[in-house]
Every structure is written in C-alpha cells, then in structure tokens.
PDB file of N, CA and C in Angstrom:
ATOM      1  N   UNK A   1      62.181  30.384  44.755  1.00  0.00           N
ATOM      2  CA  UNK A   1      62.749  30.094  43.574  1.00  0.00           C
ATOM      3  C   UNK A   1      61.380  30.008  42.463  1.00  0.00           C
ATOM      4  N   UNK A   2      61.032  30.568  41.327  1.00  0.00           N
ATOM      5  CA  UNK A   2      59.516  30.441  41.297  1.00  0.00           C
ATOM      6  C   UNK A   2      59.602  29.262  39.963  1.00  0.00           C
ATOM      7  N   UNK A   3      58.682  28.613  39.688  1.00  0.00           N
ATOM      8  CA  UNK A   3      58.934  26.979  39.288  1.00  0.00           C
ATOM      9  C   UNK A   3      57.544  27.344  38.436  1.00  0.00           C
ATOM     10  N   UNK A   4      57.595  26.318  36.215  1.00  0.00           N
ATOM     11  CA  UNK A   4      56.536  26.715  35.728  1.00  0.00           C
ATOM     12  C   UNK A   4      56.079  24.956  35.858  1.00  0.00           C
ATOM     13  N   UNK A   5      55.140  24.923  35.491  1.00  0.00           N
ATOM     14  CA  UNK A   5      54.857  23.564  35.898  1.00  0.00           C
ATOM     15  C   UNK A   5      53.495  23.273  34.283  1.00  0.00           C
ATOM     16  N   UNK A   6      53.486  22.344  33.299  1.00  0.00           N
ATOM     17  CA  UNK A   6      53.387  21.822  32.456  1.00  0.00           C
ATOM     18  C   UNK A   6      52.705  20.966  33.158  1.00  0.00           C
ATOM     19  N   UNK A   7      50.892  21.062  33.171  1.00  0.00           N
ATOM     20  CA  UNK A   7      49.763  19.785  32.855  1.00  0.00           C
ATOM     21  C   UNK A   7      49.983  19.459  31.373  1.00  0.00           C
ATOM     22  N   UNK A   8      50.176  17.668  31.391  1.00  0.00           N
ATOM     23  CA  UNK A   8      49.825  17.609  29.925  1.00  0.00           C
ATOM     24  C   UNK A   8      48.867  16.211  30.450  1.00  0.00           C
ATOM     25  N   UNK A   9      49.277  15.524  28.754  1.00  0.00           N
ATOM     26  CA  UNK A   9      48.268  14.488  28.502  1.00  0.00           C
ATOM     27  C   UNK A   9      49.171  13.506  27.668  1.00  0.00           C
ATOM     28  N   UNK A  10      49.623  12.572  27.692  1.00  0.00           N
ATOM     29  CA  UNK A  10      49.913  11.850  26.680  1.00  0.00           C
ATOM     30  C   UNK A  10      49.317  11.667  25.297  1.00  0.00           C
ATOM     31  N   UNK A  11      50.340  11.853  24.426  1.00  0.00           N
ATOM     32  CA  UNK A  11      49.301  11.851  23.320  1.00  0.00           C
ATOM     33  C   UNK A  11      49.167  12.719  22.866  1.00  0.00           C
ATOM     34  N   UNK A  12      49.231  14.052  23.873  1.00  0.00           N
ATOM     35  CA  UNK A  12      48.571  15.525  23.303  1.00  0.00           C
ATOM     36  C   UNK A  12      50.023  15.932  22.355  1.00  0.00           C
ATOM     37  N   UNK A  13      49.640  16.379  21.387  1.00  0.00           N
ATOM     38  CA  UNK A  13      50.094  17.033  19.968  1.00  0.00           C
ATOM     39  C   UNK A  13      50.106  18.656  20.944  1.00  0.00           C
ATOM     40  N   UNK A  14      48.691  19.240  21.220  1.00  0.00           N
ATOM     41  CA  UNK A  14      49.296  20.710  21.709  1.00  0.00           C
ATOM     42  C   UNK A  14      50.662  20.050  22.972  1.00  0.00           C
ATOM     43  N   UNK A  15      50.577  19.619  23.762  1.00  0.00           N
ATOM     44  CA  UNK A  15      51.166  19.692  24.478  1.00  0.00           C
ATOM     45  C   UNK A  15      53.285  19.357  24.296  1.00  0.00           C
ATOM     46  N   UNK A  16      52.917  18.383  23.306  1.00  0.00           N
ATOM     47  CA  UNK A  16      54.120  18.461  22.598  1.00  0.00           C
ATOM     48  C   UNK A  16      54.671  19.991  22.099  1.00  0.00           C
ATOM     49  N   UNK A  17      53.352  20.622  21.977  1.00  0.00           N
ATOM     50  CA  UNK A  17      54.175  21.891  20.738  1.00  0.00           C
ATOM     51  C   UNK A  17      54.761  22.645  22.268  1.00  0.00           C
ATOM     52  N   UNK A  18      53.064  22.834  23.317  1.00  0.00           N
ATOM     53  CA  UNK A  18      53.895  23.989  24.175  1.00  0.00           C
ATOM     54  C   UNK A  18      55.352  23.820  25.174  1.00  0.00           C
ATOM     55  N   UNK A  19      55.758  21.984  25.266  1.00  0.00           N
ATOM     56  CA  UNK A  19      56.724  22.055  26.216  1.00  0.00           C
ATOM     57  C   UNK A  19      57.948  22.624  24.832  1.00  0.00           C
ATOM     58  N   UNK A  20      58.145  21.820  23.458  1.00  0.00           N
ATOM     59  CA  UNK A  20      58.421  23.146  23.018  1.00  0.00           C
ATOM     60  C   UNK A  20      58.791  23.911  22.367  1.00  0.00           C
ATOM     61  N   UNK A  21      57.853  24.782  23.129  1.00  0.00           N
ATOM     62  CA  UNK A  21      58.013  26.609  22.721  1.00  0.00           C
ATOM     63  C   UNK A  21      59.126  26.532  24.180  1.00  0.00           C
ATOM     64  N   UNK A  22      58.071  26.037  25.204  1.00  0.00           N
ATOM     65  CA  UNK A  22      59.211  26.711  26.169  1.00  0.00           C
ATOM     66  C   UNK A  22      60.958  26.308  26.192  1.00  0.00           C
ATOM     67  N   UNK A  23      60.788  25.037  25.319  1.00  0.00           N
ATOM     68  CA  UNK A  23      62.672  25.268  25.538  1.00  0.00           C
ATOM     69  C   UNK A  23      63.204  26.266  24.521  1.00  0.00           C
ATOM     70  N   UNK A  24      62.777  26.049  22.716  1.00  0.00           N
ATOM     71  CA  UNK A  24      62.987  27.549  22.639  1.00  0.00           C
ATOM     72  C   UNK A  24      63.144  28.554  23.374  1.00  0.00           C
ATOM     73  N   UNK A  25      62.110  29.137  24.036  1.00  0.00           N
ATOM     74  CA  UNK A  25      62.022  30.235  25.129  1.00  0.00           C
ATOM     75  C   UNK A  25      63.071  30.160  24.941  1.00  0.00           C
ATOM     76  N   UNK A  26      63.385  29.447  26.464  1.00  0.00           N
ATOM     77  CA  UNK A  26      64.347  29.254  27.219  1.00  0.00           C
ATOM     78  C   UNK A  26      66.060  29.247  26.672  1.00  0.00           C
ATOM     79  N   UNK A  27      65.850  29.388  25.580  1.00  0.00           N
ATOM     80  CA  UNK A  27      67.128  29.159  24.588  1.00  0.00           C
ATOM     81  C   UNK A  27      67.490  30.986  25.232  1.00  0.00           C
ATOM     82  N   UNK A  28      66.798  31.778  24.779  1.00  0.00           N
ATOM     83  CA  UNK A  28      66.484  33.327  24.768  1.00  0.00           C
ATOM     84  C   UNK A  28      66.400  33.754  25.847  1.00  0.00           C
ATOM     85  N   UNK A  29      65.351  33.531  26.475  1.00  0.00           N
ATOM     86  CA  UNK A  29      65.404  34.231  27.978  1.00  0.00           C
ATOM     87  C   UNK A  29      65.200  33.130  29.320  1.00  0.00           C
ATOM     88  N   UNK A  30      66.380  33.488  30.429  1.00  0.00           N
ATOM     89  CA  UNK A  30      66.128  32.865  31.868  1.00  0.00           C
ATOM     90  C   UNK A  30      64.835  32.334  32.062  1.00  0.00           C
ATOM     91  N   UNK A  31      64.727  31.337  32.021  1.00  0.00           N
ATOM     92  CA  UNK A  31      63.399  30.851  31.912  1.00  0.00           C
ATOM     93  C   UNK A  31      63.404  29.947  34.392  1.00  0.00           C
ATOM     94  N   UNK A  32      62.592  29.572  34.482  1.00  0.00           N
ATOM     95  CA  UNK A  32      62.820  28.941  35.929  1.00  0.00           C
ATOM     96  C   UNK A  32      62.261  26.879  35.608  1.00  0.00           C
ATOM     97  N   UNK A  33      62.613  26.222  36.270  1.00  0.00           N
ATOM     98  CA  UNK A  33      62.857  25.320  35.638  1.00  0.00           C
ATOM     99  C   UNK A  33      61.118  24.673  35.504  1.00  0.00           C
ATOM    100  N   UNK A  34      61.198  23.652  34.851  1.00  0.00           N
ATOM    101  CA  UNK A  34      59.960  23.281  34.007  1.00  0.00           C
ATOM    102  C   UNK A  34      59.921  21.985  34.876  1.00  0.00           C
ATOM    103  N   UNK A  35      58.611  21.716  35.559  1.00  0.00           N
ATOM    104  CA  UNK A  35      58.799  20.294  36.214  1.00  0.00           C
ATOM    105  C   UNK A  35      57.128  20.333  34.850  1.00  0.00           C
ATOM    106  N   UNK A  36      57.101  19.006  34.366  1.00  0.00           N
ATOM    107  CA  UNK A  36      56.146  17.770  33.517  1.00  0.00           C
ATOM    108  C   UNK A  36      54.924  17.488  34.848  1.00  0.00           C
ATOM    109  N   UNK A  37      53.791  17.083  34.326  1.00  0.00           N
ATOM    110  CA  UNK A  37      52.891  16.808  35.333  1.00  0.00           C
ATOM    111  C   UNK A  37      51.635  15.886  34.263  1.00  0.00           C
ATOM    112  N   UNK A  38      51.782  14.563  34.174  1.00  0.00           N
ATOM    113  CA  UNK A  38      50.454  13.941  33.753  1.00  0.00           C
ATOM    114  C   UNK A  38      49.265  14.035  34.367  1.00  0.00           C
ATOM    115  N   UNK A  39      48.324  15.070  33.937  1.00  0.00           N
ATOM    116  CA  UNK A  39      46.493  15.848  34.057  1.00  0.00           C
ATOM    117  C   UNK A  39      45.967  13.943  34.573  1.00  0.00           C
ATOM    118  N   UNK A  40      46.337  13.197  34.116  1.00  0.00           N
ATOM    119  CA  UNK A  40      45.771  12.150  34.731  1.00  0.00           C
ATOM    120  C   UNK A  40      46.471  10.940  35.415  1.00  0.00           C
ATOM    121  N   UNK A  41      47.807  11.775  35.904  1.00  0.00           N
ATOM    122  CA  UNK A  41      47.940  10.925  37.529  1.00  0.00           C
ATOM    123  C   UNK A  41      47.308  11.185  38.574  1.00  0.00           C
ATOM    124  N   UNK A  42      46.598  12.608  38.660  1.00  0.00           N
ATOM    125  CA  UNK A  42      45.955  13.266  39.994  1.00  0.00           C
ATOM    126  C   UNK A  42      44.021  13.404  39.251  1.00  0.00           C
ATOM    127  N   UNK A  43      43.532  12.725  40.334  1.00  0.00           N
ATOM    128  CA  UNK A  43      42.082  12.692  39.980  1.00  0.00           C
ATOM    129  C   UNK A  43      42.220  15.024  39.956  1.00  0.00           C
ATOM    130  N   UNK A  44      42.516  14.873  41.120  1.00  0.00           N
ATOM    131  CA  UNK A  44      41.740  16.374  41.577  1.00  0.00           C
ATOM    132  C   UNK A  44      42.225  17.282  39.742  1.00  0.00           C
ATOM    133  N   UNK A  45      43.404  17.172  40.097  1.00  0.00           N
ATOM    134  CA  UNK A  45      43.757  18.190  38.914  1.00  0.00           C
ATOM    135  C   UNK A  45      43.190  17.025  37.375  1.00  0.00           C
ATOM    136  N   UNK A  46      42.537  15.905  36.668  1.00  0.00           N
ATOM    137  CA  UNK A  46      41.903  15.745  36.060  1.00  0.00           C
ATOM    138  C   UNK A  46      40.922  16.919  36.079  1.00  0.00           C
ATOM    139  N   UNK A  47      39.825  16.463  37.170  1.00  0.00           N
ATOM    140  CA  UNK A  47      38.759  16.728  37.318  1.00  0.00           C
ATOM    141  C   UNK A  47      38.987  18.092  37.276  1.00  0.00           C
ATOM    142  N   UNK A  48      39.739  18.945  38.030  1.00  0.00           N
ATOM    143  CA  UNK A  48      39.454  20.840  37.644  1.00  0.00           C
ATOM    144  C   UNK A  48      39.886  21.152  36.163  1.00  0.00           C
ATOM    145  N   UNK A  49      40.714  20.238  34.885  1.00  0.00           N
ATOM    146  CA  UNK A  49      41.795  20.966  34.292  1.00  0.00           C
ATOM    147  C   UNK A  49      41.449  20.345  32.572  1.00  0.00           C
ATOM    148  N   UNK A  50      40.436  18.622  33.242  1.00  0.00           N
ATOM    149  CA  UNK A  50      39.376  18.178  32.175  1.00  0.00           C
ATOM    150  C   UNK A  50      40.894  17.824  30.699  1.00  0.00           C
ATOM    151  N   UNK A  51      39.135  18.891  29.532  1.00  0.00           N
ATOM    152  CA  UNK A  51      40.227  18.101  28.277  1.00  0.00           C
ATOM    153  C   UNK A  51      41.209  19.763  27.839  1.00  0.00           C
ATOM    154  N   UNK A  52      41.131  21.087  28.988  1.00  0.00           N
ATOM    155  CA  UNK A  52      41.695  21.803  28.319  1.00  0.00           C
ATOM    156  C   UNK A  52      43.207  22.099  28.954  1.00  0.00           C
ATOM    157  N   UNK A  53      43.619  21.042  28.018  1.00  0.00           N
ATOM    158  CA  UNK A  53      45.404  21.370  27.930  1.00  0.00           C
ATOM    159  C   UNK A  53      45.512  21.363  26.728  1.00  0.00           C
ATOM    160  N   UNK A  54      47.675  21.573  26.319  1.00  0.00           N
ATOM    161  CA  UNK A  54      48.186  22.250  28.145  1.00  0.00           C
ATOM    162  C   UNK A  54      47.384  23.356  28.636  1.00  0.00           C
ATOM    163  N   UNK A  55      48.278  22.905  30.326  1.00  0.00           N
ATOM    164  CA  UNK A  55      48.250  23.846  30.907  1.00  0.00           C
ATOM    165  C   UNK A  55      49.138  24.637  31.562  1.00  0.00           C
ATOM    166  N   UNK A  56      50.010  25.625  31.773  1.00  0.00           N
ATOM    167  CA  UNK A  56      51.554  26.091  31.840  1.00  0.00           C
ATOM    168  C   UNK A  56      50.906  27.104  33.273  1.00  0.00           C
ATOM    169  N   UNK A  57      51.559  26.348  34.758  1.00  0.00           N
ATOM    170  CA  UNK A  57      51.394  27.462  36.232  1.00  0.00           C
ATOM    171  C   UNK A  57      52.650  27.625  36.311  1.00  0.00           C
ATOM    172  N   UNK A  58      52.558  28.999  36.669  1.00  0.00           N
ATOM    173  CA  UNK A  58      53.609  29.718  37.322  1.00  0.00           C
ATOM    174  C   UNK A  58      53.370  29.751  38.877  1.00  0.00           C
ATOM    175  N   UNK A  59      54.138  28.762  39.480  1.00  0.00           N
ATOM    176  CA  UNK A  59      53.826  29.061  41.405  1.00  0.00           C
ATOM    177  C   UNK A  59      52.138  28.546  41.668  1.00  0.00           C
ATOM    178  N   UNK A  60      51.398  27.635  40.845  1.00  0.00           N
ATOM    179  CA  UNK A  60      50.173  26.925  40.644  1.00  0.00           C
ATOM    180  C   UNK A  60      49.830  28.197  40.275  1.00  0.00           C
ATOM    181  N   UNK A  61      49.747  29.026  39.436  1.00  0.00           N
ATOM    182  CA  UNK A  61      48.507  29.729  38.638  1.00  0.00           C
ATOM    183  C   UNK A  61      48.403  29.913  37.075  1.00  0.00           C
ATOM    184  N   UNK A  62      47.872  29.943  37.071  1.00  0.00           N
ATOM    185  CA  UNK A  62      47.600  29.500  35.033  1.00  0.00           C
ATOM    186  C   UNK A  62      47.623  30.591  34.800  1.00  0.00           C
ATOM    187  N   UNK A  63      49.286  30.258  33.812  1.00  0.00           N
ATOM    188  CA  UNK A  63      49.933  31.876  33.358  1.00  0.00           C
ATOM    189  C   UNK A  63      49.073  31.088  31.422  1.00  0.00           C
ATOM    190  N   UNK A  64      49.669  29.942  31.330  1.00  0.00           N
ATOM    191  CA  UNK A  64      48.861  30.070  29.510  1.00  0.00           C
ATOM    192  C   UNK A  64      47.536  28.885  29.463  1.00  0.00           C
ATOM    193  N   UNK A  65      46.801  28.597  28.500  1.00  0.00           N
ATOM    194  CA  UNK A  65      45.705  27.441  28.092  1.00  0.00           C
ATOM    195  C   UNK A  65      46.261  26.715  26.567  1.00  0.00           C
ATOM    196  N   UNK A  66      46.132  25.566  26.147  1.00  0.00           N
ATOM    197  CA  UNK A  66      46.382  25.462  25.237  1.00  0.00           C
ATOM    198  C   UNK A  66      47.251  25.564  24.509  1.00  0.00           C
ATOM    199  N   UNK A  67      47.975  26.732  24.575  1.00  0.00           N
ATOM    200  CA  UNK A  67      48.731  28.008  23.591  1.00  0.00           C
ATOM    201  C   UNK A  67      49.510  28.386  24.349  1.00  0.00           C
ATOM    202  N   UNK A  68      51.048  28.456  24.241  1.00  0.00           N
ATOM    203  CA  UNK A  68      52.011  29.109  25.570  1.00  0.00           C
ATOM    204  C   UNK A  68      51.788  30.563  24.684  1.00  0.00           C
ATOM    205  N   UNK A  69      52.030  31.618  24.860  1.00  0.00           N
ATOM    206  CA  UNK A  69      52.032  33.521  24.936  1.00  0.00           C
ATOM    207  C   UNK A  69      53.438  33.455  25.407  1.00  0.00           C
ATOM    208  N   UNK A  70      54.281  33.568  24.675  1.00  0.00           N
ATOM    209  CA  UNK A  70      55.850  33.742  24.799  1.00  0.00           C
ATOM    210  C   UNK A  70      56.225  35.199  25.591  1.00  0.00           C
ATOM    211  N   UNK A  71      55.232  35.919  24.854  1.00  0.00           N
ATOM    212  CA  UNK A  71      55.252  37.345  25.089  1.00  0.00           C
ATOM    213  C   UNK A  71      54.837  37.642  26.569  1.00  0.00           C
ATOM    214  N   UNK A  72      53.523  36.842  26.895  1.00  0.00           N
ATOM    215  CA  UNK A  72      52.748  37.050  28.322  1.00  0.00           C
ATOM    216  C   UNK A  72      53.367  36.829  29.005  1.00  0.00           C
ATOM    217  N   UNK A  73      54.251  35.284  28.654  1.00  0.00           N
ATOM    218  CA  UNK A  73      55.761  34.223  29.761  1.00  0.00           C
ATOM    219  C   UNK A  73      56.311  35.654  30.884  1.00  0.00           C
ATOM    220  N   UNK A  74      57.478  35.665  29.148  1.00  0.00           N
ATOM    221  CA  UNK A  74      57.800  36.159  29.733  1.00  0.00           C
ATOM    222  C   UNK A  74      57.536  38.301  30.371  1.00  0.00           C
ATOM    223  N   UNK A  75      56.928  38.700  29.516  1.00  0.00           N
ATOM    224  CA  UNK A  75      56.290  39.574  30.766  1.00  0.00           C
ATOM    225  C   UNK A  75      56.414  39.420  32.448  1.00  0.00           C
ATOM    226  N   UNK A  76      55.325  38.055  32.420  1.00  0.00           N
ATOM    227  CA  UNK A  76      54.724  37.920  33.599  1.00  0.00           C
ATOM    228  C   UNK A  76      55.723  37.653  35.092  1.00  0.00           C
ATOM    229  N   UNK A  77      57.349  37.241  33.905  1.00  0.00           N
ATOM    230  CA  UNK A  77      58.155  36.722  34.923  1.00  0.00           C
ATOM    231  C   UNK A  77      58.890  37.725  35.262  1.00  0.00           C
ATOM    232  N   UNK A  78      59.297  38.595  33.879  1.00  0.00           N
ATOM    233  CA  UNK A  78      60.427  40.123  34.672  1.00  0.00           C
ATOM    234  C   UNK A  78      59.160  40.946  35.669  1.00  0.00           C
ATOM    235  N   UNK A  79      58.093  40.961  35.414  1.00  0.00           N
ATOM    236  CA  UNK A  79      57.243  41.069  36.453  1.00  0.00           C
ATOM    237  C   UNK A  79      57.620  40.517  38.153  1.00  0.00           C
ATOM    238  N   UNK A  80      57.550  39.630  37.818  1.00  0.00           N
ATOM    239  CA  UNK A  80      58.183  39.135  39.061  1.00  0.00           C
ATOM    240  C   UNK A  80      59.409  38.971  39.841  1.00  0.00           C
ATOM    241  N   UNK A  81      60.770  38.839  38.163  1.00  0.00           N
ATOM    242  CA  UNK A  81      61.798  39.478  39.515  1.00  0.00           C
ATOM    243  C   UNK A  81      61.799  40.715  39.474  1.00  0.00           C
ATOM    244  N   UNK A  82      60.975  41.213  39.201  1.00  0.00           N
ATOM    245  CA  UNK A  82      61.694  43.091  39.306  1.00  0.00           C
ATOM    246  C   UNK A  82      60.905  42.837  40.812  1.00  0.00           C
ATOM    247  N   UNK A  83      59.781  42.560  41.234  1.00  0.00           N
ATOM    248  CA  UNK A  83      59.014  42.377  42.934  1.00  0.00           C
ATOM    249  C   UNK A  83      59.779  41.369  43.639  1.00  0.00           C
ATOM    250  N   UNK A  84      60.853  40.134  43.549  1.00  0.00           N
ATOM    251  CA  UNK A  84      61.673  39.678  44.218  1.00  0.00           C
ATOM    252  C   UNK A  84      62.842  40.466  45.135  1.00  0.00           C
ATOM    253  N   UNK A  85      63.628  41.480  43.532  1.00  0.00           N
ATOM    254  CA  UNK A  85      64.646  42.595  43.725  1.00  0.00           C
ATOM    255  C   UNK A  85      64.280  42.863  44.439  1.00  0.00           C
ATOM    256  N   UNK A  86      62.658  43.862  44.057  1.00  0.00           N
ATOM    257  CA  UNK A  86      62.657  45.158  45.754  1.00  0.00           C
ATOM    258  C   UNK A  86      62.463  44.618  46.373  1.00  0.00           C
ATOM    259  N   UNK A  87      62.082  42.866  46.939  1.00  0.00           N
ATOM    260  CA  UNK A  87      61.408  43.059  48.387  1.00  0.00           C
ATOM    261  C   UNK A  87      63.545  42.415  48.940  1.00  0.00           C
ATOM    262  N   UNK A  88      63.682  42.063  48.195  1.00  0.00           N
ATOM    263  CA  UNK A  88      65.227  41.588  48.820  1.00  0.00           C
ATOM    264  C   UNK A  88      65.794  42.609  49.184  1.00  0.00           C
ATOM    265  N   UNK A  89      65.949  43.547  49.073  1.00  0.00           N
ATOM    266  CA  UNK A  89      66.010  44.999  48.570  1.00  0.00           C
ATOM    267  C   UNK A  89      66.043  45.398  49.853  1.00  0.00           C
ATOM    268  N   UNK A  90      64.634  46.175  50.104  1.00  0.00           N
ATOM    269  CA  UNK A  90      63.959  46.716  51.216  1.00  0.00           C
ATOM    270  C   UNK A  90      62.894  44.616  51.921  1.00  0.00           C
ATOM    271  N   UNK A  91      63.355  44.602  52.383  1.00  0.00           N
ATOM    272  CA  UNK A  91      62.572  43.691  53.578  1.00  0.00           C
ATOM    273  C   UNK A  91      60.916  44.609  54.141  1.00  0.00           C
ATOM    274  N   UNK A  92      61.389  45.792  54.726  1.00  0.00           N
ATOM    275  CA  UNK A  92      60.546  46.352  55.195  1.00  0.00           C
ATOM    276  C   UNK A  92      58.890  46.910  54.254  1.00  0.00           C
ATOM    277  N   UNK A  93      58.853  47.004  52.602  1.00  0.00           N
ATOM    278  CA  UNK A  93      58.779  47.060  52.098  1.00  0.00           C
ATOM    279  C   UNK A  93      57.406  45.885  51.736  1.00  0.00           C
ATOM    280  N   UNK A  94      57.655  44.887  52.420  1.00  0.00           N
ATOM    281  CA  UNK A  94      57.171  43.268  52.424  1.00  0.00           C
ATOM    282  C   UNK A  94      56.681  43.211  53.319  1.00  0.00           C
ATOM    283  N   UNK A  95      55.859  42.793  54.307  1.00  0.00           N
ATOM    284  CA  UNK A  95      55.934  42.562  56.023  1.00  0.00           C
ATOM    285  C   UNK A  95      56.972  41.674  55.817  1.00  0.00           C
ATOM    286  N   UNK A  96      55.786  40.424  54.844  1.00  0.00           N
ATOM    287  CA  UNK A  96      56.312  38.233  54.983  1.00  0.00           C
ATOM    288  C   UNK A  96      58.236  38.557  53.574  1.00  0.00           C
ATOM    289  N   UNK A  97      58.680  39.964  53.592  1.00  0.00           N
ATOM    290  CA  UNK A  97      59.797  39.324  53.153  1.00  0.00           C
ATOM    291  C   UNK A  97      60.620  38.424  53.721  1.00  0.00           C
ATOM    292  N   UNK A  98      61.265  38.677  54.664  1.00  0.00           N
ATOM    293  CA  UNK A  98      62.361  37.853  55.435  1.00  0.00           C
ATOM    294  C   UNK A  98      61.846  36.592  55.561  1.00  0.00           C
ATOM    295  N   UNK A  99      60.563  35.623  54.352  1.00  0.00           N
ATOM    296  CA  UNK A  99      60.328  34.842  55.083  1.00  0.00           C
ATOM    297  C   UNK A  99      60.109  33.739  53.723  1.00  0.00           C
ATOM    298  N   UNK A 100      60.948  34.978  53.033  1.00  0.00           N
ATOM    299  CA  UNK A 100      60.353  34.956  51.344  1.00  0.00           C
ATOM    300  C   UNK A 100      61.366  33.538  51.199  1.00  0.00           C
ATOM    301  N   UNK A 101      63.044  33.143  51.909  1.00  0.00           N
ATOM    302  CA  UNK A 101      63.548  32.571  51.257  1.00  0.00           C
ATOM    303  C   UNK A 101      62.787  30.803  52.035  1.00  0.00           C
ATOM    304  N   UNK A 102      62.196  31.245  53.487  1.00  0.00           N
ATOM    305  CA  UNK A 102      62.028  29.190  53.359  1.00  0.00           C
ATOM    306  C   UNK A 102      61.264  29.245  53.095  1.00  0.00           C
ATOM    307  N   UNK A 103      60.143  30.453  52.632  1.00  0.00           N
ATOM    308  CA  UNK A 103      58.863  29.815  51.646  1.00  0.00           C
ATOM    309  C   UNK A 103      59.370  29.155  50.805  1.00  0.00           C
ATOM    310  N   UNK A 104      60.804  29.708  49.808  1.00  0.00           N
ATOM    311  CA  UNK A 104      60.988  29.602  49.056  1.00  0.00           C
ATOM    312  C   UNK A 104      62.023  27.906  49.229  1.00  0.00           C
ATOM    313  N   UNK A 105      62.837  27.514  49.831  1.00  0.00           N
ATOM    314  CA  UNK A 105      62.853  26.393  50.769  1.00  0.00           C
ATOM    315  C   UNK A 105      61.651  25.215  50.925  1.00  0.00           C
ATOM    316  N   UNK A 106      60.556  25.313  51.558  1.00  0.00           N
ATOM    317  CA  UNK A 106      59.618  24.669  51.688  1.00  0.00           C
ATOM    318  C   UNK A 106      59.060  24.425  50.470  1.00  0.00           C
ATOM    319  N   UNK A 107      58.747  25.509  49.941  1.00  0.00           N
ATOM    320  CA  UNK A 107      57.934  24.979  48.061  1.00  0.00           C
ATOM    321  C   UNK A 107      59.176  24.006  47.052  1.00  0.00           C
ATOM    322  N   UNK A 108      59.998  24.010  47.653  1.00  0.00           N
ATOM    323  CA  UNK A 108      60.873  23.037  46.563  1.00  0.00           C
ATOM    324  C   UNK A 108      60.623  21.757  47.696  1.00  0.00           C
ATOM    325  N   UNK A 109      60.591  21.886  48.802  1.00  0.00           N
ATOM    326  CA  UNK A 109      60.689  20.307  49.528  1.00  0.00           C
ATOM    327  C   UNK A 109      59.688  19.833  48.841  1.00  0.00           C
ATOM    328  N   UNK A 110      58.610  20.446  48.781  1.00  0.00           N
ATOM    329  CA  UNK A 110      56.603  19.582  48.800  1.00  0.00           C
ATOM    330  C   UNK A 110      57.319  19.271  47.296  1.00  0.00           C
ATOM    331  N   UNK A 111      57.691  19.555  46.498  1.00  0.00           N
ATOM    332  CA  UNK A 111      57.668  19.446  44.422  1.00  0.00           C
ATOM    333  C   UNK A 111      59.111  18.224  44.257  1.00  0.00           C
ATOM    334  N   UNK A 112      59.917  18.283  45.215  1.00  0.00           N
ATOM    335  CA  UNK A 112      61.261  17.003  45.089  1.00  0.00           C
ATOM    336  C   UNK A 112      60.358  16.545  44.482  1.00  0.00           C
ATOM    337  N   UNK A 113      59.157  15.493  44.226  1.00  0.00           N
ATOM    338  CA  UNK A 113      59.159  14.284  43.935  1.00  0.00           C
ATOM    339  C   UNK A 113      58.379  14.257  42.019  1.00  0.00           C
ATOM    340  N   UNK A 114      58.002  15.860  41.892  1.00  0.00           N
ATOM    341  CA  UNK A 114      57.270  16.331  41.061  1.00  0.00           C
ATOM    342  C   UNK A 114      59.027  15.549  39.520  1.00  0.00           C
ATOM    343  N   UNK A 115      58.416  15.440  38.375  1.00  0.00           N
ATOM    344  CA  UNK A 115      59.385  15.174  37.227  1.00  0.00           C
ATOM    345  C   UNK A 115      60.528  16.868  36.757  1.00  0.00           C
ATOM    346  N   UNK A 116      61.039  16.126  36.442  1.00  0.00           N
ATOM    347  CA  UNK A 116      61.373  18.113  35.651  1.00  0.00           C
ATOM    348  C   UNK A 116      62.430  17.436  34.086  1.00  0.00           C
ATOM    349  N   UNK A 117      62.218  18.799  33.667  1.00  0.00           N
ATOM    350  CA  UNK A 117      62.306  19.018  31.986  1.00  0.00           C
ATOM    351  C   UNK A 117      63.915  19.608  31.785  1.00  0.00           C
TER     352      UNK A 117
END
C-alpha cells in the first residue's frame, strides 16, 4: 500500500498549509495514509532537505516541494493504482508481482514507528 509522507518543520506556515490542502484533497479523492515527519528529527533528512520544506513523498519519492500540486498528485495516484491493479490481475506482466503483498507488509512494518495523520 502506498504511503504519503509529509516532511515538515515546527512553526512552518507552508507546512501547515500543505497539510490542510492534503486533508481537503482527501475529502474529494481517496489518498493513501499520510505520515508526518519532522525534518529536524533526523540529521540525514535535515541535511538532504534543509530549508526546502515542506516536502511530500510518495513511497519515498518527492512529489511536491513547498506547495501541493493537487492535480499532479491525483494523476500520480491514479497511475499508481492502475499499475497495481494491472499487476495484481496479471502477475506475469511484472516478474516481481508475486512479492507485492510481501513487500507492502514489510514496508508497513518498517514504518510502524512513524506518526500518522
């Protein structure tokens, strides 16, 4: 299952704005779970993203920086959903498809310590 991760910083107006926009978008279209991670809680994240926050990640890949592009996020999620459905219907189409469920479970267990919105 896909996961959205919002990298934020305390007292960040743009971060609060992006979170609010995600909540509004989630009322119109189904969204994956949204986790929030304070970029300053992890030195590697702070080094990698610095002042370029908020950052929205979909399964670890940057999909938005500073401003949420709702149309782009919706397009990406539809494409991901279509790809997953195709893979589940025809596992031969993707050699590693039989590992999709295992990978999703492993991914979820690794993220168990992160906070959720």
